[in-house]
Amino acid sequence: MLSAAINYPRESDHVLKTVLIGGVLSLLSVLIVPAFILGGYGIRVLRHTTLGDDELPQFDDWGKLAVDGLKGFAIAIGYLFAPIVLFGLSLAVFSGTLQMVGIIVSAIAYLAAAYSLPAATTVFAREERVGAAFKLDNLRPVLTSRRYVSGWLRAILVSFAAGLVMGVIGLVPILGAIAGLFVGFYMNLVISHLFGHAVADAERLAVPREEQPATRPVA
């Protein structure tokens, strides 16, 4: 599955166009709106993948991409808010043993959020409802599945490898940093593909075959 995910963008006949657009938007992400468009495109990849479409989606309907990216950002804030606030309080208010306990608890909460967030975002991508990302009944079969654990670990491995590659490329002044953004966008496509398949496989195993719905077409 890992090799298939790495080759996933390359198998599209518009991969060059997509990576060029994604890299340019990465360069412009300091302007905020391009960052939301990028996030929305990642959500579109999740949607297509989890619905069984392994073709790289088009970069179109940018208004919807921006809205989906904003919604994805809101979901991330919802999951990460508590551990971040707890960590801040531990540093600013607590002291001694209580501070250490607060830091440990916030770290555990952050790991739990980081584990759950990709599944929540994928469920949102498929259902196109923010509330679906916070429904425990939707997430429990995924989060407790070995398929999701395996896919999550693969995605983390790819993220780590991408960080190393981007770090090496970034040693080249200016051009290296720019090239690293294009590489990072490509690897984010791979990571989204991994998460989409992990959630889809986990849900498929959780539902008896005779009760599984037919794959819906994607827009």
Protein backbone atom coordinates (compact mmCIF):
# COMPACT_ATOMS: atom_id res chain seq x y z
CA MET A 1 0.00 0.00 0.00
CA LEU A 2 2.85 2.41 0.77
CA SER A 3 4.39 2.10 -2.69
CA ALA A 4 0.95 2.50 -4.29
CA ALA A 5 0.34 5.67 -2.28
CA ILE A 6 3.74 7.13 -3.22
CA ASN A 7 3.00 6.49 -6.91
CA TYR A 8 -0.63 7.64 -6.63
CA PRO A 9 -0.11 11.22 -7.89
CA ARG A 10 2.27 10.10 -10.66
CA GLU A 11 -0.37 7.87 -12.23
CA SER A 12 -2.53 10.88 -13.10
CA ASP A 13 -2.19 12.54 -16.51
CA HIS A 14 -2.42 15.97 -14.84
CA VAL A 15 0.06 15.42 -12.00
CA LEU A 16 2.49 18.08 -13.29
CA LYS A 17 -0.24 20.72 -13.49
CA THR A 18 -1.54 19.77 -10.03
CA VAL A 19 1.88 19.85 -8.36
CA LEU A 20 2.70 23.18 -10.02
CA ILE A 21 -0.53 24.71 -8.74
CA GLY A 22 -0.04 23.20 -5.31
CA GLY A 23 3.54 24.43 -5.09
CA VAL A 24 2.62 27.96 -6.11
CA LEU A 25 -0.22 28.02 -3.59
CA SER A 26 2.25 26.81 -0.96
CA LEU A 27 4.47 29.76 -1.81
CA LEU A 28 1.50 32.09 -1.41
CA SER A 29 0.08 30.44 1.72
CA VAL A 30 1.30 33.34 3.85
CA LEU A 31 -1.66 35.21 2.34
CA ILE A 32 -3.99 32.82 4.24
CA VAL A 33 -6.57 32.18 1.49
CA PRO A 34 -4.18 30.03 -0.58
CA ALA A 35 -3.54 27.97 2.55
CA PHE A 36 -7.28 27.27 2.85
CA ILE A 37 -7.43 26.33 -0.84
CA LEU A 38 -4.58 23.88 -0.28
CA GLY A 39 -6.37 22.42 2.73
CA GLY A 40 -9.56 22.10 0.71
CA TYR A 41 -7.73 20.25 -2.04
CA GLY A 42 -6.33 17.81 0.52
CA ILE A 43 -9.88 17.23 1.71
CA ARG A 44 -10.96 16.63 -1.89
CA VAL A 45 -8.25 13.95 -2.18
CA LEU A 46 -9.56 12.36 1.02
CA ARG A 47 -13.12 12.45 -0.34
CA HIS A 48 -12.22 10.83 -3.64
CA THR A 49 -10.02 8.19 -2.02
CA THR A 50 -12.46 7.16 0.69
CA LEU A 51 -15.22 6.84 -1.93
CA GLY A 52 -13.09 4.51 -4.02
CA ASP A 53 -11.78 6.90 -6.67
CA ASP A 54 -7.98 6.65 -6.96
CA GLU A 55 -7.72 9.26 -9.71
CA LEU A 56 -6.06 12.49 -8.62
CA PRO A 57 -8.87 15.10 -8.51
CA GLN A 58 -8.80 18.33 -10.49
CA PHE A 59 -7.85 21.69 -9.03
CA ASP A 60 -11.16 23.42 -9.83
CA ASP A 61 -14.06 25.13 -8.04
CA TRP A 62 -11.60 27.04 -5.90
CA GLY A 63 -14.36 28.69 -3.88
CA LYS A 64 -15.48 25.30 -2.59
CA LEU A 65 -11.88 24.31 -1.95
CA ALA A 66 -11.39 27.41 0.21
CA VAL A 67 -14.61 26.75 2.14
CA ASP A 68 -13.70 23.10 2.71
CA GLY A 69 -10.23 24.17 3.82
CA LEU A 70 -11.73 26.60 6.31
CA LYS A 71 -14.01 23.87 7.64
CA GLY A 72 -11.06 21.49 7.93
CA PHE A 73 -9.17 24.15 9.86
CA ALA A 74 -12.12 24.55 12.23
CA ILE A 75 -12.18 20.79 12.81
CA ALA A 76 -8.45 20.82 13.59
CA ILE A 77 -8.96 23.66 16.08
CA GLY A 78 -11.77 21.69 17.70
CA TYR A 79 -9.51 18.68 18.23
CA LEU A 80 -6.34 20.50 19.22
CA PHE A 81 -7.82 23.30 21.33
CA ALA A 82 -7.95 21.43 24.64
CA PRO A 83 -4.37 20.01 24.62
CA ILE A 84 -2.92 23.34 23.49
CA VAL A 85 -4.78 25.30 26.18
CA LEU A 86 -3.83 22.76 28.84
CA PHE A 87 -0.18 22.96 27.80
CA GLY A 88 -0.27 26.76 27.93
CA LEU A 89 -1.88 26.74 31.37
CA SER A 90 0.68 24.23 32.61
CA LEU A 91 3.51 26.56 31.63
CA ALA A 92 1.89 29.83 32.67
CA VAL A 93 -0.09 28.95 35.80
CA PHE A 94 1.03 25.66 37.31
CA SER A 95 4.35 24.97 39.00
CA GLY A 96 6.36 22.06 40.32
CA THR A 97 4.71 18.64 40.23
CA LEU A 98 1.39 20.04 39.05
CA GLN A 99 3.09 21.66 36.07
CA MET A 100 4.79 18.39 35.12
CA VAL A 101 1.51 16.49 35.40
CA GLY A 102 -0.21 19.11 33.24
CA ILE A 103 2.48 18.87 30.58
CA ILE A 104 2.26 15.07 30.50
CA VAL A 105 -1.54 15.09 30.31
CA SER A 106 -1.50 17.72 27.57
CA ALA A 107 1.05 15.66 25.60
CA ILE A 108 -1.17 12.56 25.88
CA ALA A 109 -4.21 14.61 24.83
CA TYR A 110 -2.28 16.01 21.87
CA LEU A 111 -1.26 12.53 20.71
CA ALA A 112 -4.87 11.36 20.99
CA ALA A 113 -6.02 14.36 18.95
CA ALA A 114 -3.28 13.84 16.35
CA TYR A 115 -4.35 10.20 16.04
CA SER A 116 -8.06 11.00 15.74
CA LEU A 117 -7.92 14.12 13.57
CA PRO A 118 -7.11 12.46 10.21
CA ALA A 119 -10.02 10.05 10.65
CA ALA A 120 -12.34 12.88 11.66
CA THR A 121 -11.29 14.98 8.67
CA THR A 122 -11.77 12.04 6.32
CA VAL A 123 -15.26 11.38 7.65
CA PHE A 124 -16.06 15.07 7.18
CA ALA A 125 -14.64 14.93 3.64
CA ARG A 126 -16.96 12.07 2.73
CA GLU A 127 -20.09 13.27 4.51
CA GLU A 128 -19.46 16.99 3.84
CA ARG A 129 -20.81 17.86 7.29
CA VAL A 130 -18.58 19.32 9.99
CA GLY A 131 -20.67 17.65 12.69
CA ALA A 132 -19.78 14.22 11.30
CA ALA A 133 -16.16 14.80 12.32
CA PHE A 134 -17.19 14.93 15.99
CA LYS A 135 -19.61 11.97 16.11
CA LEU A 136 -18.02 9.21 18.17
CA ASP A 137 -20.26 6.58 16.55
CA ASN A 138 -18.73 7.46 13.17
CA LEU A 139 -15.17 7.38 14.46
CA ARG A 140 -15.07 4.49 16.94
CA PRO A 141 -14.94 1.66 14.34
CA VAL A 142 -12.14 3.47 12.53
CA LEU A 143 -10.01 4.47 15.50
CA THR A 144 -10.08 0.96 16.95
CA SER A 145 -9.23 -0.74 13.66
CA ARG A 146 -5.81 -2.22 12.95
CA ARG A 147 -6.16 -1.01 9.35
CA TYR A 148 -6.38 2.57 10.55
CA VAL A 149 -3.48 2.13 12.97
CA SER A 150 -1.38 0.70 10.15
CA GLY A 151 -2.36 3.48 7.73
CA TRP A 152 -1.76 6.16 10.36
CA LEU A 153 1.74 4.82 11.07
CA ARG A 154 2.54 4.71 7.35
CA ALA A 155 1.40 8.32 6.98
CA ILE A 156 3.57 9.38 9.93
CA LEU A 157 6.53 7.56 8.35
CA VAL A 158 5.96 9.39 5.07
CA SER A 159 5.65 12.70 6.94
CA PHE A 160 8.95 12.08 8.68
CA ALA A 161 10.67 11.09 5.44
CA ALA A 162 9.22 14.13 3.67
CA GLY A 163 10.54 16.36 6.43
CA LEU A 164 14.02 14.91 6.01
CA VAL A 165 13.94 15.34 2.23
CA MET A 166 12.67 18.90 2.51
CA GLY A 167 15.36 19.65 5.09
CA VAL A 168 18.10 18.41 2.78
CA ILE A 169 16.69 20.29 -0.22
CA GLY A 170 16.32 23.38 1.95
CA LEU A 171 20.10 23.48 2.45
CA VAL A 172 20.30 24.97 -1.04
CA PRO A 173 19.72 28.72 -0.57
CA ILE A 174 16.38 30.11 -1.84
CA LEU A 175 15.82 27.62 -4.68
CA GLY A 176 16.03 24.71 -2.26
CA ALA A 177 13.37 26.21 0.00
CA ILE A 178 11.11 26.81 -3.00
CA ALA A 179 11.62 23.30 -4.39
CA GLY A 180 10.92 21.90 -0.94
CA LEU A 181 7.42 23.37 -1.03
CA PHE A 182 6.63 21.48 -4.24
CA VAL A 183 8.03 18.27 -2.77
CA GLY A 184 6.02 18.86 0.40
CA PHE A 185 2.81 19.30 -1.57
CA TYR A 186 3.42 16.05 -3.45
CA MET A 187 4.03 14.19 -0.21
CA ASN A 188 0.86 15.66 1.28
CA LEU A 189 -1.05 14.08 -1.61
CA VAL A 190 0.52 10.75 -0.66
CA ILE A 191 -0.39 11.22 3.00
CA SER A 192 -4.00 12.15 2.19
CA HIS A 193 -4.26 9.08 -0.02
CA LEU A 194 -2.96 6.88 2.81
CA PHE A 195 -5.45 8.30 5.31
CA GLY A 196 -8.36 8.03 2.89
CA HIS A 197 -7.65 4.36 2.25
CA ALA A 198 -7.03 3.64 5.94
CA VAL A 199 -10.44 5.02 6.92
CA ALA A 200 -12.24 3.34 4.02
CA ASP A 201 -10.62 -0.05 4.78
CA ALA A 202 -11.37 0.26 8.50
CA GLU A 203 -15.03 1.06 7.87
CA ARG A 204 -15.35 -1.71 5.31
CA LEU A 205 -14.09 -4.27 7.80
CA ALA A 206 -16.45 -2.95 10.49
CA VAL A 207 -19.56 -3.49 8.34
CA PRO A 208 -20.78 -6.95 7.25
CA ARG A 209 -20.31 -7.40 3.50
CA GLU A 210 -24.05 -7.77 2.84
CA GLU A 211 -24.69 -4.41 4.56
CA GLN A 212 -22.02 -2.45 2.73
CA PRO A 213 -23.41 0.28 0.49
CA ALA A 214 -22.36 0.61 -3.12
CA THR A 215 -19.56 3.08 -3.73
CA ARG A 216 -20.96 6.53 -4.43
CA PRO A 217 -19.69 8.51 -7.40
CA VAL A 218 -17.60 11.54 -6.53
CA ALA A 219 -18.04 14.99 -7.92
